[in-house]
Amino acid sequence: SKRFQDQSFLLIFLDTSHYEADTRLEAENWLPKLHPDGAFVFHDTNCTWDNQRGVIKVLEALLGTEINEAQHGSYQGNNFTLYHNPKSNGLSVLEYF
């Protein structure tokens, strides 16, 4: 991942425990380090095991909107754009707009 003079990152990839509390903490810690032109990639946004939608709930809170994690889609809210692919447990890319 490229690091800029301001210590921000162009790409941040998150593949953590998949539980909401852990994902929220990781997002809160890393999001301020995302470069304005960067992307924050979240894996397991469409988990097939019972984690109670942990990762996708954090993204819904960030955007302030509901996300259908079972379908391809793009979403906008709170100065973010999210591109979501449900395949292989889900992969979502969050960017500033």
Protein backbone atom coordinates (compact mmCIF):
# COMPACT_ATOMS: atom_id res chain seq x y z
CA SER A 1 0.00 0.00 0.00
CA LYS A 2 1.35 3.42 -0.94
CA ARG A 3 1.86 5.86 1.92
CA PHE A 4 1.80 9.61 1.31
CA GLN A 5 3.70 12.39 3.08
CA ASP A 6 0.68 13.01 5.30
CA GLN A 7 0.92 9.34 6.36
CA SER A 8 -2.35 8.43 4.62
CA PHE A 9 -2.83 5.28 2.54
CA LEU A 10 -4.17 4.82 -0.97
CA LEU A 11 -5.48 1.32 -0.24
CA ILE A 12 -6.63 -0.22 3.02
CA PHE A 13 -7.85 -3.83 3.04
CA LEU A 14 -9.87 -5.08 6.02
CA ASP A 15 -10.41 -8.78 6.65
CA THR A 16 -10.91 -9.03 10.40
CA SER A 17 -13.03 -11.19 12.72
CA HIS A 18 -16.25 -10.29 10.84
CA TYR A 19 -18.12 -9.34 14.00
CA GLU A 20 -19.72 -5.91 14.15
CA ALA A 21 -17.84 -4.60 17.20
CA ASP A 22 -14.44 -5.67 15.85
CA THR A 23 -15.18 -4.35 12.36
CA ARG A 24 -16.41 -1.02 13.74
CA LEU A 25 -13.24 -0.60 15.80
CA GLU A 26 -11.02 -1.46 12.81
CA ALA A 27 -12.95 0.96 10.55
CA GLU A 28 -12.79 3.76 13.14
CA ASN A 29 -9.03 3.29 13.49
CA TRP A 30 -8.21 3.00 9.78
CA LEU A 31 -10.71 5.28 8.03
CA PRO A 32 -8.98 8.50 9.20
CA LYS A 33 -5.80 7.19 7.54
CA LEU A 34 -7.45 6.78 4.11
CA HIS A 35 -6.19 9.20 1.47
CA PRO A 36 -9.02 11.27 -0.12
CA ASP A 37 -8.37 9.48 -3.44
CA GLY A 38 -8.00 6.09 -1.78
CA ALA A 39 -10.15 3.00 -1.38
CA PHE A 40 -11.06 1.03 1.72
CA VAL A 41 -11.78 -2.60 0.83
CA PHE A 42 -13.87 -4.79 3.12
CA HIS A 43 -13.96 -8.57 2.75
CA ASP A 44 -16.77 -10.84 4.02
CA THR A 45 -19.56 -8.33 3.47
CA ASN A 46 -21.87 -11.22 2.52
CA CYS A 47 -20.89 -13.94 4.99
CA THR A 48 -22.78 -17.20 4.88
CA TRP A 49 -22.26 -18.01 8.55
CA ASP A 50 -24.12 -16.47 11.49
CA ASN A 51 -22.16 -13.33 12.31
CA GLN A 52 -25.39 -11.27 12.25
CA ARG A 53 -24.27 -9.20 9.25
CA GLY A 54 -21.33 -7.83 11.25
CA VAL A 55 -19.29 -6.25 8.45
CA ILE A 56 -22.20 -4.97 6.36
CA LYS A 57 -23.83 -3.35 9.42
CA VAL A 58 -20.74 -1.18 9.88
CA LEU A 59 -20.92 -0.10 6.23
CA GLU A 60 -24.63 0.64 6.57
CA ALA A 61 -23.86 2.88 9.55
CA LEU A 62 -21.08 4.68 7.67
CA LEU A 63 -23.32 5.37 4.68
CA GLY A 64 -26.55 5.83 6.61
CA THR A 65 -28.42 3.48 4.30
CA GLU A 66 -29.50 -0.15 4.01
CA ILE A 67 -27.43 -2.47 1.85
CA ASN A 68 -28.66 -5.67 0.22
CA GLU A 69 -25.55 -7.77 0.69
CA ALA A 70 -26.95 -10.60 -1.48
CA GLN A 71 -26.90 -8.47 -4.66
CA HIS A 72 -24.40 -6.47 -6.67
CA GLY A 73 -24.90 -2.79 -6.08
CA SER A 74 -23.53 0.64 -5.46
CA TYR A 75 -24.63 2.92 -2.65
CA GLN A 76 -23.98 6.50 -1.61
CA GLY A 77 -24.27 8.37 1.66
CA ASN A 78 -22.35 10.57 4.09
CA ASN A 79 -19.73 11.52 1.45
CA PHE A 80 -19.01 7.88 0.57
CA THR A 81 -19.64 5.63 -2.40
CA LEU A 82 -19.71 1.88 -1.84
CA TYR A 83 -19.39 -0.75 -4.58
CA HIS A 84 -20.53 -4.18 -3.41
CA ASN A 85 -19.98 -7.60 -4.95
CA PRO A 86 -21.71 -10.44 -3.06
CA LYS A 87 -19.62 -13.29 -4.52
CA SER A 88 -17.16 -15.30 -2.44
CA ASN A 89 -18.52 -14.02 0.91
CA GLY A 90 -18.70 -10.47 -0.41
CA LEU A 91 -16.20 -7.77 -1.23
CA SER A 92 -17.03 -4.08 -0.90
CA VAL A 93 -15.00 -1.02 -1.86
CA LEU A 94 -15.60 2.23 0.00
CA GLU A 95 -14.43 5.53 -1.47
CA TYR A 96 -14.97 9.21 -0.73
CA PHE A 97 -16.93 11.14 -3.33
